[in-house]
Amino acid sequence: MAIMITDECINCGACEPECPNNAIYEGGVSWRYADGTGLDGSFTLINGSEADAETENRPVSDDFYFIVTDKCTECVGFHEEPQCAAVCPVDCCVPDPDFVESEETLLKKKEIMHL
């Protein structure tokens, strides 16, 4: 299950540097799959669709920090728990019920991003 940031976010930014996948961005900021990963050029996402690592994507939120679901591995393979949730002072980094993934899937996603 990916982690999401709720609208209770106070924009403190504590979560952003903790993410080993660079999946967390400040509201209004464009993002790329290549940011903080080993991805380069065209690649296949865990869901089978194709993406370009260098393409700038629109922000998920303009108002508060957000997590790119396709880049979030819940810190599996890096830490025992999601680091964003561990450091969030207002507990707004929570599991996203719309994106439930097994530990095996999260590890595969990590392998894709960090060759």
C-alpha atoms as a PDB file:
ATOM      1  CA  MET A   1       0.000   0.000   0.000  1.00  0.00           C
ATOM      2  CA  ALA A   2       1.463   3.364  -0.917  1.00  0.00           C
ATOM      3  CA  ILE A   3       1.507   6.191   1.583  1.00  0.00           C
ATOM      4  CA  MET A   4      -0.461   9.388   0.984  1.00  0.00           C
ATOM      5  CA  ILE A   5      -0.350  12.819   2.593  1.00  0.00           C
ATOM      6  CA  THR A   6      -3.707  14.110   3.760  1.00  0.00           C
ATOM      7  CA  ASP A   7      -4.935  17.681   3.543  1.00  0.00           C
ATOM      8  CA  GLU A   8      -4.049  18.044   7.236  1.00  0.00           C
ATOM      9  CA  CYS A   9      -0.442  18.595   6.089  1.00  0.00           C
ATOM     10  CA  ILE A  10       1.102  21.752   7.589  1.00  0.00           C
ATOM     11  CA  ASN A  11       3.788  21.955   4.858  1.00  0.00           C
ATOM     12  CA  CYS A  12       6.642  21.598   7.339  1.00  0.00           C
ATOM     13  CA  GLY A  13       8.701  19.535   4.866  1.00  0.00           C
ATOM     14  CA  ALA A  14       9.996  17.064   7.479  1.00  0.00           C
ATOM     15  CA  CYS A  15       8.969  14.101   5.317  1.00  0.00           C
ATOM     16  CA  GLU A  16      10.657  15.065   2.053  1.00  0.00           C
ATOM     17  CA  PRO A  17      14.328  14.397   2.928  1.00  0.00           C
ATOM     18  CA  GLU A  18      13.424  11.100   4.632  1.00  0.00           C
ATOM     19  CA  CYS A  19      12.113   9.397   1.477  1.00  0.00           C
ATOM     20  CA  PRO A  20      14.671   6.987  -0.028  1.00  0.00           C
ATOM     21  CA  ASN A  21      12.817   7.061  -3.370  1.00  0.00           C
ATOM     22  CA  ASN A  22      12.439  10.830  -3.614  1.00  0.00           C
ATOM     23  CA  ALA A  23       8.687  10.225  -3.942  1.00  0.00           C
ATOM     24  CA  ILE A  24       7.686  13.247  -1.835  1.00  0.00           C
ATOM     25  CA  TYR A  25       7.388  16.701  -3.357  1.00  0.00           C
ATOM     26  CA  GLU A  26       6.334  20.123  -2.172  1.00  0.00           C
ATOM     27  CA  GLY A  27       2.906  21.242  -3.358  1.00  0.00           C
ATOM     28  CA  GLY A  28       2.960  22.796  -6.823  1.00  0.00           C
ATOM     29  CA  VAL A  29       6.303  21.245  -7.795  1.00  0.00           C
ATOM     30  CA  SER A  30       6.650  19.162 -10.968  1.00  0.00           C
ATOM     31  CA  TRP A  31       8.185  15.713 -10.522  1.00  0.00           C
ATOM     32  CA  ARG A  32      10.102  13.146 -12.566  1.00  0.00           C
ATOM     33  CA  TYR A  33      10.636   9.416 -12.117  1.00  0.00           C
ATOM     34  CA  ALA A  34      14.386  10.052 -12.471  1.00  0.00           C
ATOM     35  CA  ASP A  35      14.472  12.285  -9.379  1.00  0.00           C
ATOM     36  CA  GLY A  36      16.449  10.421  -6.723  1.00  0.00           C
ATOM     37  CA  THR A  37      16.334   7.076  -8.544  1.00  0.00           C
ATOM     38  CA  GLY A  38      18.483   5.163 -11.001  1.00  0.00           C
ATOM     39  CA  LEU A  39      15.871   5.491 -13.742  1.00  0.00           C
ATOM     40  CA  ASP A  40      16.872   6.876 -17.120  1.00  0.00           C
ATOM     41  CA  GLY A  41      14.958   7.029 -20.398  1.00  0.00           C
ATOM     42  CA  SER A  42      11.979   4.791 -21.102  1.00  0.00           C
ATOM     43  CA  PHE A  43      11.070   2.112 -18.559  1.00  0.00           C
ATOM     44  CA  THR A  44       8.143  -0.107 -17.539  1.00  0.00           C
ATOM     45  CA  LEU A  45       6.199   0.687 -14.382  1.00  0.00           C
ATOM     46  CA  ILE A  46       5.136  -2.085 -12.007  1.00  0.00           C
ATOM     47  CA  ASN A  47       1.620  -1.953 -13.535  1.00  0.00           C
ATOM     48  CA  GLY A  48       3.042  -2.672 -17.008  1.00  0.00           C
ATOM     49  CA  SER A  49       2.643   0.801 -18.501  1.00  0.00           C
ATOM     50  CA  GLU A  50       5.541   2.643 -20.096  1.00  0.00           C
ATOM     51  CA  ALA A  51       6.951   5.916 -18.790  1.00  0.00           C
ATOM     52  CA  ASP A  52       9.870   8.211 -19.498  1.00  0.00           C
ATOM     53  CA  ALA A  53      12.051   8.887 -16.468  1.00  0.00           C
ATOM     54  CA  GLU A  54      12.993  12.392 -17.593  1.00  0.00           C
ATOM     55  CA  THR A  55       9.488  13.684 -18.385  1.00  0.00           C
ATOM     56  CA  GLU A  56       8.258  16.370 -16.002  1.00  0.00           C
ATOM     57  CA  ASN A  57       4.885  15.456 -14.541  1.00  0.00           C
ATOM     58  CA  ARG A  58       2.263  17.762 -13.111  1.00  0.00           C
ATOM     59  CA  PRO A  59       2.087  18.146  -9.342  1.00  0.00           C
ATOM     60  CA  VAL A  60      -0.353  15.822  -7.578  1.00  0.00           C
ATOM     61  CA  SER A  61      -1.279  18.718  -5.263  1.00  0.00           C
ATOM     62  CA  ASP A  62      -0.779  22.446  -5.485  1.00  0.00           C
ATOM     63  CA  ASP A  63      -1.588  23.094  -1.831  1.00  0.00           C
ATOM     64  CA  PHE A  64       0.488  20.692   0.261  1.00  0.00           C
ATOM     65  CA  TYR A  65       3.234  18.088   0.057  1.00  0.00           C
ATOM     66  CA  PHE A  66       2.354  14.974  -1.926  1.00  0.00           C
ATOM     67  CA  ILE A  67       3.665  11.468  -2.543  1.00  0.00           C
ATOM     68  CA  VAL A  68       3.983  10.028  -6.059  1.00  0.00           C
ATOM     69  CA  THR A  69       2.277   6.638  -5.692  1.00  0.00           C
ATOM     70  CA  ASP A  70       4.324   4.985  -8.440  1.00  0.00           C
ATOM     71  CA  LYS A  71       7.544   5.883  -6.600  1.00  0.00           C
ATOM     72  CA  CYS A  72       6.427   5.002  -3.049  1.00  0.00           C
ATOM     73  CA  THR A  73       7.617   1.669  -1.672  1.00  0.00           C
ATOM     74  CA  GLU A  74       6.594   2.389   1.946  1.00  0.00           C
ATOM     75  CA  CYS A  75      10.361   2.291   2.573  1.00  0.00           C
ATOM     76  CA  VAL A  76      10.316  -1.510   2.090  1.00  0.00           C
ATOM     77  CA  GLY A  77      13.864  -2.651   1.435  1.00  0.00           C
ATOM     78  CA  PHE A  78      15.248   0.472   3.125  1.00  0.00           C
ATOM     79  CA  HIS A  79      13.666   0.810   6.581  1.00  0.00           C
ATOM     80  CA  GLU A  80      11.357  -1.077   8.936  1.00  0.00           C
ATOM     81  CA  GLU A  81       8.573   1.524   8.598  1.00  0.00           C
ATOM     82  CA  PRO A  82       7.654   4.411   6.283  1.00  0.00           C
ATOM     83  CA  GLN A  83       9.978   7.209   7.291  1.00  0.00           C
ATOM     84  CA  CYS A  84       7.607   9.983   6.237  1.00  0.00           C
ATOM     85  CA  ALA A  85       5.022   8.739   8.745  1.00  0.00           C
ATOM     86  CA  ALA A  86       7.679   8.333  11.435  1.00  0.00           C
ATOM     87  CA  VAL A  87       8.756  11.997  11.246  1.00  0.00           C
ATOM     88  CA  CYS A  88       5.407  13.683  10.483  1.00  0.00           C
ATOM     89  CA  PRO A  89       4.461  15.937  13.413  1.00  0.00           C
ATOM     90  CA  VAL A  90       0.730  15.900  12.554  1.00  0.00           C
ATOM     91  CA  ASP A  91       0.361  12.249  11.465  1.00  0.00           C
ATOM     92  CA  CYS A  92      -0.848  13.078   7.968  1.00  0.00           C
ATOM     93  CA  CYS A  93       1.299  10.459   6.182  1.00  0.00           C
ATOM     94  CA  VAL A  94      -1.067   7.503   6.133  1.00  0.00           C
ATOM     95  CA  PRO A  95      -1.622   4.321   4.093  1.00  0.00           C
ATOM     96  CA  ASP A  96      -3.498   5.000   0.848  1.00  0.00           C
ATOM     97  CA  PRO A  97      -6.420   2.540   0.687  1.00  0.00           C
ATOM     98  CA  ASP A  98      -6.667   3.063  -3.089  1.00  0.00           C
ATOM     99  CA  PHE A  99      -3.165   1.640  -3.664  1.00  0.00           C
ATOM    100  CA  VAL A 100      -2.724  -1.590  -1.733  1.00  0.00           C
ATOM    101  CA  GLU A 101       0.464  -3.454  -2.710  1.00  0.00           C
ATOM    102  CA  SER A 102       2.119  -6.563  -1.323  1.00  0.00           C
ATOM    103  CA  GLU A 103       5.624  -6.496   0.121  1.00  0.00           C
ATOM    104  CA  GLU A 104       6.754  -8.446  -2.948  1.00  0.00           C
ATOM    105  CA  THR A 105       5.343  -5.763  -5.258  1.00  0.00           C
ATOM    106  CA  LEU A 106       6.944  -2.994  -3.207  1.00  0.00           C
ATOM    107  CA  LEU A 107      10.317  -4.756  -3.429  1.00  0.00           C
ATOM    108  CA  LYS A 108       9.937  -5.126  -7.209  1.00  0.00           C
ATOM    109  CA  LYS A 109       9.119  -1.430  -7.468  1.00  0.00           C
ATOM    110  CA  LYS A 110      12.276  -0.660  -5.469  1.00  0.00           C
ATOM    111  CA  GLU A 111      14.343  -2.868  -7.806  1.00  0.00           C
ATOM    112  CA  ILE A 112      13.004  -1.057 -10.858  1.00  0.00           C
ATOM    113  CA  MET A 113      13.921   2.356  -9.446  1.00  0.00           C
ATOM    114  CA  HIS A 114      17.271   1.468  -7.900  1.00  0.00           C
ATOM    115  CA  LEU A 115      19.097  -0.831 -10.305  1.00  0.00           C
END
